[in-house]
N, C-alpha and C. Protein backbone atom coordinates (compact mmCIF):
# COMPACT_ATOMS: atom_id res chain seq x y z
N MET A 1 0.92 -1.14 -0.03
CA MET A 1 0.00 0.04 0.06
C MET A 1 0.77 1.16 0.20
N ASN A 2 0.75 2.19 -0.90
CA ASN A 2 1.30 3.36 -0.84
C ASN A 2 1.05 4.14 0.30
N ALA A 3 2.01 5.14 0.79
CA ALA A 3 1.69 5.87 1.79
C ALA A 3 1.09 7.06 1.37
N LEU A 4 0.29 7.82 2.15
CA LEU A 4 -0.56 8.99 1.78
C LEU A 4 0.43 10.09 1.47
N PRO A 5 -0.14 10.64 0.40
CA PRO A 5 0.61 12.06 -0.01
C PRO A 5 0.48 13.07 1.00
N PRO A 6 1.59 13.82 1.00
CA PRO A 6 1.75 14.94 2.03
C PRO A 6 0.77 16.09 1.73
N VAL A 7 0.43 16.86 2.82
CA VAL A 7 -0.19 17.84 2.88
C VAL A 7 0.80 18.93 2.97
N LEU A 8 0.89 19.84 1.97
CA LEU A 8 2.12 20.95 2.17
C LEU A 8 1.30 22.26 2.63
N LEU A 9 1.63 22.79 3.81
CA LEU A 9 1.02 23.80 4.21
C LEU A 9 2.00 25.05 4.31
N VAL A 10 1.53 26.16 3.66
CA VAL A 10 2.40 27.11 3.22
C VAL A 10 1.97 28.32 3.62
N ASP A 11 2.55 28.91 4.83
CA ASP A 11 1.81 30.38 5.61
C ASP A 11 3.00 30.95 6.30
N ASP A 12 3.14 32.10 6.44
CA ASP A 12 4.07 32.95 7.06
C ASP A 12 3.66 33.27 8.69
N ASP A 13 2.40 32.95 8.86
CA ASP A 13 1.76 33.28 10.03
C ASP A 13 1.69 32.16 10.92
N GLU A 14 2.28 32.16 12.08
CA GLU A 14 2.41 31.16 12.99
C GLU A 14 0.85 30.69 13.61
N GLU A 15 0.12 31.50 13.84
CA GLU A 15 -1.23 31.54 14.22
C GLU A 15 -2.16 30.75 13.03
N SER A 16 -2.11 31.16 11.79
CA SER A 16 -2.66 30.51 10.76
C SER A 16 -2.14 28.95 10.65
N LEU A 17 -0.77 28.92 10.77
CA LEU A 17 -0.32 27.26 10.73
C LEU A 17 -0.83 26.50 11.84
N PHE A 18 -0.94 27.12 13.00
CA PHE A 18 -1.66 26.36 14.12
C PHE A 18 -3.05 26.16 13.95
N LEU A 19 -3.67 27.07 13.43
CA LEU A 19 -5.15 26.76 13.32
C LEU A 19 -5.49 25.76 12.11
N ILE A 20 -4.80 25.83 11.02
CA ILE A 20 -5.05 24.96 9.86
C ILE A 20 -4.60 23.67 10.36
N LYS A 21 -3.39 23.36 10.95
CA LYS A 21 -3.16 22.15 11.50
C LYS A 21 -4.16 21.49 12.41
N LYS A 22 -4.77 22.42 13.30
CA LYS A 22 -5.84 22.02 14.33
C LYS A 22 -6.93 21.63 13.45
N LEU A 23 -7.43 22.27 12.42
CA LEU A 23 -8.53 21.73 11.66
C LEU A 23 -8.37 20.54 11.00
N LEU A 24 -6.99 20.36 10.40
CA LEU A 24 -6.66 19.07 9.66
C LEU A 24 -6.87 17.80 10.78
N ALA A 25 -6.41 18.07 12.04
CA ALA A 25 -6.31 17.26 12.98
C ALA A 25 -8.03 16.87 13.31
N GLN A 26 -8.84 17.92 13.33
CA GLN A 26 -10.17 17.51 13.69
C GLN A 26 -10.84 16.83 12.61
N ALA A 27 -10.51 16.94 11.47
CA ALA A 27 -10.92 16.33 10.20
C ALA A 27 -10.39 14.85 10.18
N LYS A 28 -9.34 14.53 11.06
CA LYS A 28 -8.84 13.05 11.07
C LYS A 28 -8.06 12.92 9.97
N VAL A 29 -7.34 13.96 9.38
CA VAL A 29 -6.41 13.87 8.14
C VAL A 29 -5.30 13.08 8.73
N ALA A 30 -4.87 11.75 8.10
CA ALA A 30 -3.93 11.10 8.41
C ALA A 30 -2.65 11.19 7.54
N ASN A 31 -2.65 12.14 6.71
CA ASN A 31 -1.60 12.29 5.65
C ASN A 31 -0.53 13.17 6.65
N PRO A 32 0.86 12.83 6.13
CA PRO A 32 1.75 13.88 6.82
C PRO A 32 1.46 15.14 6.54
N ILE A 33 1.92 16.09 7.31
CA ILE A 33 1.90 17.63 6.88
C ILE A 33 3.16 18.11 7.18
N ARG A 34 3.56 19.01 6.17
CA ARG A 34 4.99 19.43 5.94
C ARG A 34 4.53 21.15 6.07
N THR A 35 5.16 21.72 6.82
CA THR A 35 4.91 23.21 7.13
C THR A 35 6.06 23.93 6.42
N PHE A 36 5.65 25.18 5.64
CA PHE A 36 6.69 25.91 5.17
C PHE A 36 6.33 27.42 5.51
N ARG A 37 7.43 28.25 5.76
CA ARG A 37 7.03 29.60 6.48
C ARG A 37 7.06 30.49 5.12
N ASP A 38 7.42 30.37 4.14
CA ASP A 38 7.41 31.33 2.89
C ASP A 38 7.57 30.56 1.59
N GLY A 39 7.28 31.43 0.69
CA GLY A 39 7.31 30.67 -0.76
C GLY A 39 8.59 30.08 -1.28
N GLU A 40 9.78 30.85 -0.94
CA GLU A 40 11.03 30.29 -1.09
C GLU A 40 11.40 29.02 -0.85
N ASP A 41 11.04 28.77 0.60
CA ASP A 41 11.41 27.64 1.23
C ASP A 41 10.60 26.57 0.61
N VAL A 42 9.39 26.50 0.12
CA VAL A 42 8.58 25.60 -0.39
C VAL A 42 9.10 25.25 -1.84
N ILE A 43 9.52 26.39 -2.56
CA ILE A 43 10.01 26.11 -3.89
C ILE A 43 11.21 25.31 -3.94
N GLU A 44 12.27 25.51 -2.89
CA GLU A 44 13.28 24.78 -2.72
C GLU A 44 13.11 23.54 -2.37
N HIS A 45 11.82 23.15 -1.65
CA HIS A 45 11.56 21.67 -1.23
C HIS A 45 11.17 21.00 -2.48
N LEU A 46 10.38 21.71 -3.36
CA LEU A 46 9.75 21.19 -4.55
C LEU A 46 10.72 20.94 -5.60
N ARG A 47 11.91 21.75 -5.71
CA ARG A 47 12.96 21.57 -6.88
C ARG A 47 13.78 20.38 -6.28
N THR A 48 13.83 20.25 -5.06
CA THR A 48 14.66 19.08 -4.54
C THR A 48 13.87 17.72 -4.81
N ALA A 49 12.49 17.99 -4.54
CA ALA A 49 11.78 16.68 -4.99
C ALA A 49 11.56 16.33 -6.32
N CYS A 50 11.71 17.25 -7.43
CA CYS A 50 11.65 17.13 -8.85
C CYS A 50 13.07 16.52 -9.24
N ALA A 51 14.02 17.11 -8.64
CA ALA A 51 15.44 16.49 -9.04
C ALA A 51 15.32 14.91 -8.61
N ALA A 52 14.92 14.65 -7.36
CA ALA A 52 15.02 13.26 -6.87
C ALA A 52 13.96 12.53 -7.70
N ALA A 53 13.10 12.87 -8.56
CA ALA A 53 12.01 12.12 -9.27
C ALA A 53 12.71 11.77 -10.62
N ALA A 54 13.81 12.27 -10.98
CA ALA A 54 14.36 11.69 -12.18
C ALA A 54 13.61 11.72 -13.30
N GLY A 55 12.88 12.77 -13.59
CA GLY A 55 11.90 13.02 -14.79
C GLY A 55 10.67 12.40 -14.82
N HIS A 56 10.26 11.84 -13.58
CA HIS A 56 8.92 11.31 -13.37
C HIS A 56 7.97 12.28 -12.73
N LEU A 57 6.76 12.22 -13.05
CA LEU A 57 5.77 12.93 -12.25
C LEU A 57 5.74 12.67 -10.93
N LEU A 58 5.62 13.77 -9.99
CA LEU A 58 5.52 13.45 -8.68
C LEU A 58 4.24 13.12 -8.37
N ARG A 59 4.09 12.25 -7.21
CA ARG A 59 2.69 11.75 -6.87
C ARG A 59 1.83 12.99 -6.52
N SER A 60 0.52 12.89 -6.66
CA SER A 60 -0.34 14.05 -6.40
C SER A 60 -0.30 14.28 -4.99
N GLY A 61 -0.59 15.44 -4.47
CA GLY A 61 -0.63 15.81 -3.19
C GLY A 61 -1.18 16.95 -3.18
N LEU A 62 -1.36 17.63 -2.17
CA LEU A 62 -2.16 18.83 -1.76
C LEU A 62 -1.42 19.97 -1.17
N MET A 63 -1.59 21.09 -1.73
CA MET A 63 -0.87 22.22 -1.18
C MET A 63 -1.83 23.38 -0.62
N LEU A 64 -1.88 23.75 0.64
CA LEU A 64 -2.36 24.68 1.02
C LEU A 64 -1.80 26.12 1.13
N LEU A 65 -1.94 26.86 0.37
CA LEU A 65 -0.97 27.95 -0.10
C LEU A 65 -1.74 29.51 0.52
N ASP A 66 -0.93 30.08 1.30
CA ASP A 66 -1.36 31.41 1.58
C ASP A 66 -1.03 32.42 0.38
N VAL A 67 -1.99 33.24 0.16
CA VAL A 67 -1.81 34.31 -0.62
C VAL A 67 -0.78 35.32 -0.35
N LYS A 68 -0.88 36.03 0.89
CA LYS A 68 0.23 37.04 1.13
C LYS A 68 1.11 36.55 2.08
N MET A 69 2.60 36.56 1.52
CA MET A 69 3.64 36.16 2.30
C MET A 69 4.84 37.10 2.01
N PRO A 70 5.85 37.16 2.82
CA PRO A 70 7.07 37.90 2.38
C PRO A 70 7.73 37.28 1.22
N ARG A 71 8.68 37.86 0.86
CA ARG A 71 9.74 37.28 -0.11
C ARG A 71 9.03 37.05 -1.58
N LEU A 72 8.09 35.87 -1.66
CA LEU A 72 7.37 35.42 -2.54
C LEU A 72 6.00 35.14 -2.24
N SER A 73 5.09 35.94 -3.03
CA SER A 73 3.66 35.57 -2.64
C SER A 73 3.19 34.27 -3.08
N GLY A 74 1.96 34.01 -2.56
CA GLY A 74 1.46 32.57 -2.92
C GLY A 74 1.18 32.71 -4.49
N PHE A 75 0.74 33.76 -5.04
CA PHE A 75 0.63 33.73 -6.38
C PHE A 75 2.11 33.51 -7.25
N ASP A 76 3.18 34.04 -6.68
CA ASP A 76 4.51 33.72 -7.36
C ASP A 76 4.50 32.20 -7.27
N VAL A 77 4.40 31.75 -6.16
CA VAL A 77 4.58 30.24 -5.87
C VAL A 77 3.77 29.45 -6.87
N LEU A 78 2.45 29.85 -7.01
CA LEU A 78 1.59 29.08 -7.81
C LEU A 78 2.09 29.25 -9.38
N ALA A 79 2.45 30.41 -9.91
CA ALA A 79 3.04 30.67 -11.13
C ALA A 79 4.17 29.81 -11.45
N TRP A 80 5.04 29.61 -10.42
CA TRP A 80 6.24 28.88 -10.52
C TRP A 80 5.89 27.31 -10.60
N ILE A 81 4.97 26.86 -9.73
CA ILE A 81 4.47 25.47 -9.85
C ILE A 81 3.89 24.94 -11.16
N ARG A 82 3.21 26.00 -11.74
CA ARG A 82 2.43 25.58 -12.93
C ARG A 82 3.29 25.60 -14.24
N LYS A 83 4.66 26.02 -14.15
CA LYS A 83 5.72 25.96 -15.00
C LYS A 83 6.35 24.67 -14.85
N GLN A 84 6.28 23.93 -13.85
CA GLN A 84 7.05 22.81 -13.59
C GLN A 84 6.22 21.58 -14.02
N PRO A 85 6.72 20.90 -15.26
CA PRO A 85 5.85 19.62 -15.66
C PRO A 85 5.56 18.39 -14.76
N LEU A 86 6.79 18.44 -13.99
CA LEU A 86 6.66 17.19 -12.84
C LEU A 86 5.64 17.53 -11.73
N LEU A 87 5.27 18.67 -11.71
CA LEU A 87 4.29 19.10 -10.51
C LEU A 87 2.80 19.25 -11.20
N LYS A 88 2.57 18.81 -12.26
CA LYS A 88 1.27 19.12 -12.83
C LYS A 88 0.16 18.38 -11.90
N ASN A 89 0.32 17.42 -11.19
CA ASN A 89 -0.63 16.72 -10.39
C ASN A 89 -0.69 17.21 -8.96
N LEU A 90 0.10 18.38 -8.53
CA LEU A 90 -0.18 18.87 -7.42
C LEU A 90 -1.33 19.76 -7.29
N VAL A 91 -2.26 19.54 -6.34
CA VAL A 91 -3.51 20.24 -6.16
C VAL A 91 -3.08 21.38 -5.31
N VAL A 92 -3.31 22.60 -5.70
CA VAL A 92 -3.21 23.84 -5.01
C VAL A 92 -4.47 24.42 -4.58
N VAL A 93 -4.55 24.69 -3.53
CA VAL A 93 -5.75 25.52 -2.93
C VAL A 93 -5.01 26.95 -2.34
N MET A 94 -5.48 27.76 -2.96
CA MET A 94 -5.18 29.18 -2.35
C MET A 94 -5.91 29.37 -0.88
N LEU A 95 -5.32 29.99 0.00
CA LEU A 95 -6.03 30.44 1.35
C LEU A 95 -5.83 31.86 1.55
N SER A 96 -6.65 32.75 1.92
CA SER A 96 -6.45 34.14 2.19
C SER A 96 -7.35 34.72 3.06
N THR A 97 -7.28 35.81 3.57
CA THR A 97 -8.25 36.56 4.49
C THR A 97 -9.15 37.56 3.39
N SER A 98 -8.53 37.50 2.33
CA SER A 98 -9.21 38.55 1.19
C SER A 98 -10.33 37.80 0.52
N GLU A 99 -11.47 38.62 0.32
CA GLU A 99 -12.55 38.13 -0.35
C GLU A 99 -12.77 38.84 -1.55
N GLU A 100 -11.73 39.53 -2.12
CA GLU A 100 -11.65 40.51 -3.27
C GLU A 100 -11.54 39.40 -4.48
N ALA A 101 -12.64 39.70 -5.58
CA ALA A 101 -12.76 39.25 -6.70
C ALA A 101 -11.57 39.05 -7.52
N LYS A 102 -10.70 40.25 -7.57
CA LYS A 102 -9.45 40.08 -8.29
C LYS A 102 -8.42 39.06 -7.75
N ASP A 103 -8.51 38.86 -6.48
CA ASP A 103 -7.72 37.64 -5.83
C ASP A 103 -8.07 36.32 -6.40
N LEU A 104 -9.33 36.07 -6.30
CA LEU A 104 -9.89 34.77 -6.73
C LEU A 104 -9.78 34.51 -8.23
N GLU A 105 -9.85 35.63 -9.21
CA GLU A 105 -9.47 35.92 -10.49
C GLU A 105 -8.17 35.49 -10.92
N ARG A 106 -7.29 35.91 -10.12
CA ARG A 106 -5.75 35.84 -10.27
C ARG A 106 -5.48 34.35 -10.15
N ALA A 107 -5.95 33.82 -8.88
CA ALA A 107 -5.71 32.50 -8.52
C ALA A 107 -6.20 31.37 -9.52
N THR A 108 -7.45 31.80 -10.15
CA THR A 108 -7.96 30.76 -11.02
C THR A 108 -7.24 30.87 -12.45
N GLU A 109 -6.93 32.23 -12.86
CA GLU A 109 -5.84 32.29 -14.00
C GLU A 109 -4.60 31.56 -13.90
N LEU A 110 -3.94 31.62 -12.53
CA LEU A 110 -2.70 30.97 -12.51
C LEU A 110 -2.73 29.47 -12.17
N GLY A 111 -4.06 28.99 -12.17
CA GLY A 111 -4.26 27.56 -12.04
C GLY A 111 -4.48 26.76 -10.74
N ALA A 112 -4.85 27.70 -9.70
CA ALA A 112 -5.22 27.03 -8.49
C ALA A 112 -6.46 26.13 -8.59
N HIS A 113 -6.60 25.14 -7.93
CA HIS A 113 -7.87 24.30 -8.05
C HIS A 113 -9.03 24.92 -7.15
N THR A 114 -8.71 25.60 -6.11
CA THR A 114 -9.70 26.36 -5.59
C THR A 114 -9.24 27.40 -4.75
N TYR A 115 -9.86 28.42 -4.32
CA TYR A 115 -9.59 29.84 -3.51
C TYR A 115 -10.58 29.52 -2.10
N LEU A 116 -10.03 29.56 -1.06
CA LEU A 116 -10.71 29.49 0.17
C LEU A 116 -10.36 30.55 1.00
N VAL A 117 -11.50 31.33 1.71
CA VAL A 117 -11.23 32.40 2.55
C VAL A 117 -11.00 31.79 4.05
N LYS A 118 -9.94 32.14 4.49
CA LYS A 118 -9.51 31.57 6.05
C LYS A 118 -10.63 31.88 6.94
N TYR A 119 -11.04 30.99 7.67
CA TYR A 119 -10.54 29.59 7.61
C TYR A 119 -11.77 28.50 7.26
N PRO A 120 -11.37 27.82 6.38
CA PRO A 120 -12.35 26.78 5.94
C PRO A 120 -12.63 25.85 6.98
N THR A 121 -13.64 25.19 6.92
CA THR A 121 -14.10 24.05 7.95
C THR A 121 -13.22 22.86 7.73
N ALA A 122 -13.30 22.02 8.99
CA ALA A 122 -12.51 20.94 9.09
C ALA A 122 -13.12 19.91 7.86
N ALA A 123 -14.34 19.90 7.75
CA ALA A 123 -15.10 19.15 6.67
C ALA A 123 -14.47 19.47 5.38
N THR A 124 -14.37 20.84 5.12
CA THR A 124 -14.16 21.18 3.68
C THR A 124 -12.62 20.75 3.50
N LEU A 125 -11.69 20.85 4.57
CA LEU A 125 -10.43 20.38 4.33
C LEU A 125 -10.27 18.90 4.20
N ALA A 126 -11.05 17.98 4.93
CA ALA A 126 -11.08 16.64 4.82
C ALA A 126 -11.76 16.31 3.37
N ALA A 127 -12.42 17.04 2.74
CA ALA A 127 -13.04 16.59 1.45
C ALA A 127 -11.67 16.72 0.54
N LEU A 128 -11.12 17.79 0.66
CA LEU A 128 -9.98 18.04 -0.14
C LEU A 128 -8.86 17.03 -0.29
N VAL A 129 -8.59 16.81 1.03
CA VAL A 129 -7.55 15.65 1.29
C VAL A 129 -8.08 14.29 0.66
N ARG A 130 -9.19 13.87 0.84
CA ARG A 130 -9.89 12.83 0.30
C ARG A 130 -9.82 12.72 -1.21
N LEU A 131 -10.07 13.83 -1.93
CA LEU A 131 -10.16 13.94 -3.20
C LEU A 131 -8.63 13.74 -3.61
N VAL A 132 -7.66 14.22 -3.07
CA VAL A 132 -6.49 13.88 -3.54
C VAL A 132 -5.87 12.42 -3.12
N ASP A 133 -6.18 11.94 -2.00
CA ASP A 133 -6.04 10.49 -1.70
C ASP A 133 -6.67 9.36 -2.49
N ASP A 134 -7.84 9.73 -3.02
CA ASP A 134 -8.59 8.87 -3.79
C ASP A 134 -8.55 8.98 -5.06
N GLY A 135 -7.56 9.90 -5.57
CA GLY A 135 -7.24 10.02 -6.85
C GLY A 135 -6.47 8.92 -7.55
N PRO A 136 -6.34 8.70 -8.71
CA PRO A 136 -5.62 7.78 -9.34
C PRO A 136 -3.95 7.85 -8.88
N ALA A 137 -3.46 6.61 -8.80
CA ALA A 137 -2.07 6.58 -8.40
C ALA A 137 -1.11 7.49 -9.34
N LEU A 138 -0.35 8.29 -8.97
CA LEU A 138 0.43 9.16 -10.07
C LEU A 138 1.88 9.08 -9.77
N THR A 139 2.18 8.10 -8.85
CA THR A 139 3.68 8.12 -8.62
C THR A 139 4.55 7.44 -9.93
N ALA A 140 5.47 8.21 -10.19
CA ALA A 140 6.43 7.62 -11.08
C ALA A 140 5.92 7.32 -12.53
N THR A 141 5.24 8.30 -12.95
CA THR A 141 4.57 8.25 -14.21
C THR A 141 5.58 8.93 -15.30
N PRO A 142 5.92 8.29 -16.35
CA PRO A 142 6.86 8.99 -17.15
C PRO A 142 5.99 10.30 -17.86
N SER A 143 6.93 11.38 -17.96
CA SER A 143 6.51 12.64 -18.37
C SER A 143 6.40 12.92 -20.02
């Protein structure tokens, strides 16, 4: 049996990280959770994962990505991800305190799977994780 894909949680705010982890725990999410404090750190992690994949698609996973962060915004990270062929199966959910239509439109244009206003319910997070976990096996598929 394959291990569950990770949930990548990217947010510069310690309280947000705590609350999202708490919601994931309430949802009884068993997937490993990797946290990153900014866009540059998560991009470095993904570059390393892509290099280790040796030209194969990475297994699907879920990224919960904050929109407003220092150094690189969530939009910058999402734009980078969508240019990486090995990451095409990564499900990216943008999280923000903003309900502005322009932010939702930009997230959609850049290829986010959905845009949620902080804080989604535990049930919503559980459904997103199940969607990824129940998807087809995407490990080591030639590109």
